[in-house]
Amino acid sequence: MDYLIKIKKILKPGGIVYIGVPNEDCLFNDIRKIVFKLIGRRNISEKIKPFDSPYHVVGFNKTSLTYAINRSGFQIKQMNNIGRKFDFLGSSPKQKGFWISLFFLLPIEAIAKMTHRDVYFEAYISKKY
């Protein structure tokens, strides 16, 4: 929120800020935790969270992102829950990652898209008047 408050001070009237953050409540995280528990690696699942340091200092979900934006004096113009780009489709089928992505990630991401539990949030915000 400190950064948002600083940005608000220098933002010109009518200016728009774009924010993109990972969604802690995404379907992929829930499935990953289940898989680690099923293979007996429960202790690892909590340590590989991409939303913890050194990757991200703060994780967000829709509620916490909305709260931070409003609390720092901005208003949301538009917020979207978005998924990954499927760059693997341009990879060679000879690569192991291609098949893992095709049979594991693609179905999860398709369900996440339909249930609005994709891996990222993006928001366009402006100063409250």
C-alpha atoms as a PDB file:
ATOM      1  CA  MET A   1       0.000   0.000   0.000  1.00  0.00           C
ATOM      2  CA  ASP A   2       2.974   2.325   0.549  1.00  0.00           C
ATOM      3  CA  TYR A   3       3.801   2.113  -3.151  1.00  0.00           C
ATOM      4  CA  LEU A   4       0.211   2.782  -4.141  1.00  0.00           C
ATOM      5  CA  ILE A   5       0.084   5.860  -1.912  1.00  0.00           C
ATOM      6  CA  LYS A   6       3.344   7.172  -3.429  1.00  0.00           C
ATOM      7  CA  ILE A   7       2.044   6.510  -6.930  1.00  0.00           C
ATOM      8  CA  LYS A   8      -1.192   8.335  -6.102  1.00  0.00           C
ATOM      9  CA  LYS A   9       0.782  11.438  -5.100  1.00  0.00           C
ATOM     10  CA  ILE A  10       2.568  11.665  -8.461  1.00  0.00           C
ATOM     11  CA  LEU A  11      -0.242  10.473 -10.712  1.00  0.00           C
ATOM     12  CA  LYS A  12      -1.705  13.215 -12.887  1.00  0.00           C
ATOM     13  CA  PRO A  13      -5.470  13.791 -12.794  1.00  0.00           C
ATOM     14  CA  GLY A  14      -7.149  11.266 -15.072  1.00  0.00           C
ATOM     15  CA  GLY A  15      -4.069   9.027 -14.982  1.00  0.00           C
ATOM     16  CA  ILE A  16      -4.490   5.264 -14.902  1.00  0.00           C
ATOM     17  CA  VAL A  17      -2.286   2.731 -13.095  1.00  0.00           C
ATOM     18  CA  TYR A  18      -2.005  -0.891 -14.191  1.00  0.00           C
ATOM     19  CA  ILE A  19      -1.441  -3.526 -11.516  1.00  0.00           C
ATOM     20  CA  GLY A  20      -0.773  -7.208 -12.150  1.00  0.00           C
ATOM     21  CA  VAL A  21      -0.479  -9.648  -9.241  1.00  0.00           C
ATOM     22  CA  PRO A  22      -0.612 -13.414  -8.704  1.00  0.00           C
ATOM     23  CA  ASN A  23      -3.902 -14.817  -7.385  1.00  0.00           C
ATOM     24  CA  GLU A  24      -3.293 -16.803  -4.195  1.00  0.00           C
ATOM     25  CA  ASP A  25      -6.728 -18.399  -4.542  1.00  0.00           C
ATOM     26  CA  CYS A  26      -6.094 -19.821  -8.008  1.00  0.00           C
ATOM     27  CA  LEU A  27      -7.153 -23.365  -8.808  1.00  0.00           C
ATOM     28  CA  PHE A  28      -3.592 -24.346  -9.758  1.00  0.00           C
ATOM     29  CA  ASN A  29      -2.380 -23.761  -6.172  1.00  0.00           C
ATOM     30  CA  ASP A  30      -5.161 -25.896  -4.700  1.00  0.00           C
ATOM     31  CA  ILE A  31      -4.444 -28.768  -7.074  1.00  0.00           C
ATOM     32  CA  ARG A  32      -0.701 -28.524  -6.489  1.00  0.00           C
ATOM     33  CA  LYS A  33      -1.231 -28.828  -2.711  1.00  0.00           C
ATOM     34  CA  ILE A  34      -3.439 -31.896  -3.207  1.00  0.00           C
ATOM     35  CA  VAL A  35      -0.875 -33.555  -5.476  1.00  0.00           C
ATOM     36  CA  PHE A  36       1.930 -32.998  -2.970  1.00  0.00           C
ATOM     37  CA  LYS A  37      -0.205 -34.441  -0.170  1.00  0.00           C
ATOM     38  CA  LEU A  38      -1.103 -37.491  -2.280  1.00  0.00           C
ATOM     39  CA  ILE A  39       2.530 -38.283  -3.057  1.00  0.00           C
ATOM     40  CA  GLY A  40       3.530 -37.878   0.589  1.00  0.00           C
ATOM     41  CA  ARG A  41       5.341 -34.578   0.207  1.00  0.00           C
ATOM     42  CA  ARG A  42       2.990 -32.454   2.306  1.00  0.00           C
ATOM     43  CA  ASN A  43       5.881 -30.643   3.987  1.00  0.00           C
ATOM     44  CA  ILE A  44       7.191 -29.488   0.597  1.00  0.00           C
ATOM     45  CA  SER A  45       3.890 -28.149  -0.721  1.00  0.00           C
ATOM     46  CA  GLU A  46       3.848 -25.268   1.731  1.00  0.00           C
ATOM     47  CA  LYS A  47       7.480 -24.391   0.992  1.00  0.00           C
ATOM     48  CA  ILE A  48       7.116 -24.116  -2.787  1.00  0.00           C
ATOM     49  CA  LYS A  49       4.467 -21.413  -2.807  1.00  0.00           C
ATOM     50  CA  PRO A  50       5.358 -18.948  -5.552  1.00  0.00           C
ATOM     51  CA  PHE A  51       3.701 -16.216  -3.521  1.00  0.00           C
ATOM     52  CA  ASP A  52       6.253 -16.309  -0.700  1.00  0.00           C
ATOM     53  CA  SER A  53       9.665 -14.673  -0.505  1.00  0.00           C
ATOM     54  CA  PRO A  54      11.884 -14.560  -2.430  1.00  0.00           C
ATOM     55  CA  TYR A  55       9.287 -14.637  -5.197  1.00  0.00           C
ATOM     56  CA  HIS A  56       6.570 -12.278  -3.953  1.00  0.00           C
ATOM     57  CA  VAL A  57       6.485 -10.283  -0.766  1.00  0.00           C
ATOM     58  CA  VAL A  58       2.696 -10.214  -0.513  1.00  0.00           C
ATOM     59  CA  GLY A  59       0.147 -12.529  -2.055  1.00  0.00           C
ATOM     60  CA  PHE A  60      -3.247 -11.288  -3.115  1.00  0.00           C
ATOM     61  CA  ASN A  61      -6.696 -12.603  -3.789  1.00  0.00           C
ATOM     62  CA  LYS A  62      -9.606 -10.551  -5.098  1.00  0.00           C
ATOM     63  CA  THR A  63     -10.635  -9.378  -1.629  1.00  0.00           C
ATOM     64  CA  SER A  64      -7.172  -8.293  -0.467  1.00  0.00           C
ATOM     65  CA  LEU A  65      -6.321  -6.575  -3.768  1.00  0.00           C
ATOM     66  CA  THR A  66      -9.617  -4.665  -3.737  1.00  0.00           C
ATOM     67  CA  TYR A  67      -9.003  -3.667  -0.125  1.00  0.00           C
ATOM     68  CA  ALA A  68      -5.451  -2.402  -0.824  1.00  0.00           C
ATOM     69  CA  ILE A  69      -6.596  -0.404  -3.844  1.00  0.00           C
ATOM     70  CA  ASN A  70      -9.519   1.220  -2.031  1.00  0.00           C
ATOM     71  CA  ARG A  71      -7.578   1.816   1.183  1.00  0.00           C
ATOM     72  CA  SER A  72      -4.826   3.686  -0.661  1.00  0.00           C
ATOM     73  CA  GLY A  73      -7.265   6.124  -2.240  1.00  0.00           C
ATOM     74  CA  PHE A  74      -7.741   4.610  -5.670  1.00  0.00           C
ATOM     75  CA  GLN A  75     -10.834   3.375  -7.411  1.00  0.00           C
ATOM     76  CA  ILE A  76     -10.978   0.322  -9.607  1.00  0.00           C
ATOM     77  CA  LYS A  77     -11.812   1.067 -13.208  1.00  0.00           C
ATOM     78  CA  GLN A  78     -11.517  -2.542 -14.306  1.00  0.00           C
ATOM     79  CA  MET A  79     -10.327  -5.787 -12.707  1.00  0.00           C
ATOM     80  CA  ASN A  80      -9.831  -9.071 -14.524  1.00  0.00           C
ATOM     81  CA  ASN A  81      -8.845 -12.549 -13.456  1.00  0.00           C
ATOM     82  CA  ILE A  82      -6.492 -13.784 -16.169  1.00  0.00           C
ATOM     83  CA  GLY A  83      -4.601 -16.989 -16.924  1.00  0.00           C
ATOM     84  CA  ARG A  84      -1.253 -17.954 -18.313  1.00  0.00           C
ATOM     85  CA  LYS A  85      -0.177 -17.770 -21.886  1.00  0.00           C
ATOM     86  CA  PHE A  86       0.219 -21.225 -23.358  1.00  0.00           C
ATOM     87  CA  ASP A  87       3.632 -20.669 -24.874  1.00  0.00           C
ATOM     88  CA  PHE A  88       4.310 -24.398 -24.613  1.00  0.00           C
ATOM     89  CA  LEU A  89       2.096 -24.921 -27.671  1.00  0.00           C
ATOM     90  CA  GLY A  90       4.923 -23.435 -29.729  1.00  0.00           C
ATOM     91  CA  SER A  91       7.410 -25.920 -28.258  1.00  0.00           C
ATOM     92  CA  SER A  92       8.478 -29.174 -29.787  1.00  0.00           C
ATOM     93  CA  PRO A  93       6.402 -32.250 -28.876  1.00  0.00           C
ATOM     94  CA  LYS A  94       9.762 -33.956 -28.317  1.00  0.00           C
ATOM     95  CA  GLN A  95      10.164 -31.971 -25.108  1.00  0.00           C
ATOM     96  CA  LYS A  96       8.869 -33.447 -21.858  1.00  0.00           C
ATOM     97  CA  GLY A  97       7.530 -30.036 -20.730  1.00  0.00           C
ATOM     98  CA  PHE A  98       5.235 -29.897 -23.747  1.00  0.00           C
ATOM     99  CA  TRP A  99       3.385 -33.051 -22.708  1.00  0.00           C
ATOM    100  CA  ILE A 100       3.241 -32.138 -19.029  1.00  0.00           C
ATOM    101  CA  SER A 101       1.751 -28.769 -19.946  1.00  0.00           C
ATOM    102  CA  LEU A 102      -0.677 -30.264 -22.453  1.00  0.00           C
ATOM    103  CA  PHE A 103      -2.090 -32.993 -20.219  1.00  0.00           C
ATOM    104  CA  PHE A 104      -1.746 -31.376 -16.790  1.00  0.00           C
ATOM    105  CA  LEU A 105      -1.661 -27.579 -16.989  1.00  0.00           C
ATOM    106  CA  LEU A 106      -4.036 -27.007 -19.898  1.00  0.00           C
ATOM    107  CA  PRO A 107      -7.022 -28.805 -18.290  1.00  0.00           C
ATOM    108  CA  ILE A 108      -6.442 -27.062 -14.957  1.00  0.00           C
ATOM    109  CA  GLU A 109      -6.204 -23.676 -16.625  1.00  0.00           C
ATOM    110  CA  ALA A 110      -9.344 -24.342 -18.694  1.00  0.00           C
ATOM    111  CA  ILE A 111     -11.342 -25.159 -15.550  1.00  0.00           C
ATOM    112  CA  ALA A 112      -9.814 -22.158 -13.752  1.00  0.00           C
ATOM    113  CA  LYS A 113     -10.911 -19.896 -16.597  1.00  0.00           C
ATOM    114  CA  MET A 114     -14.499 -21.161 -16.397  1.00  0.00           C
ATOM    115  CA  THR A 115     -14.606 -20.823 -12.592  1.00  0.00           C
ATOM    116  CA  HIS A 116     -12.793 -17.447 -12.451  1.00  0.00           C
ATOM    117  CA  ARG A 117      -9.849 -18.906 -10.500  1.00  0.00           C
ATOM    118  CA  ASP A 118      -7.017 -18.095 -12.912  1.00  0.00           C
ATOM    119  CA  VAL A 119      -3.499 -17.427 -11.690  1.00  0.00           C
ATOM    120  CA  TYR A 120      -3.347 -13.623 -12.004  1.00  0.00           C
ATOM    121  CA  PHE A 121      -5.351 -10.491 -11.385  1.00  0.00           C
ATOM    122  CA  GLU A 122      -4.916  -7.327 -13.358  1.00  0.00           C
ATOM    123  CA  ALA A 123      -6.477  -4.044 -12.361  1.00  0.00           C
ATOM    124  CA  TYR A 124      -6.709  -0.613 -13.929  1.00  0.00           C
ATOM    125  CA  ILE A 125      -7.076   1.983 -11.204  1.00  0.00           C
ATOM    126  CA  SER A 126      -7.318   5.767 -10.871  1.00  0.00           C
ATOM    127  CA  LYS A 127      -7.393   8.329  -8.057  1.00  0.00           C
ATOM    128  CA  LYS A 128     -10.632   8.830  -6.198  1.00  0.00           C
ATOM    129  CA  TYR A 129     -11.895  12.383  -6.619  1.00  0.00           C
END
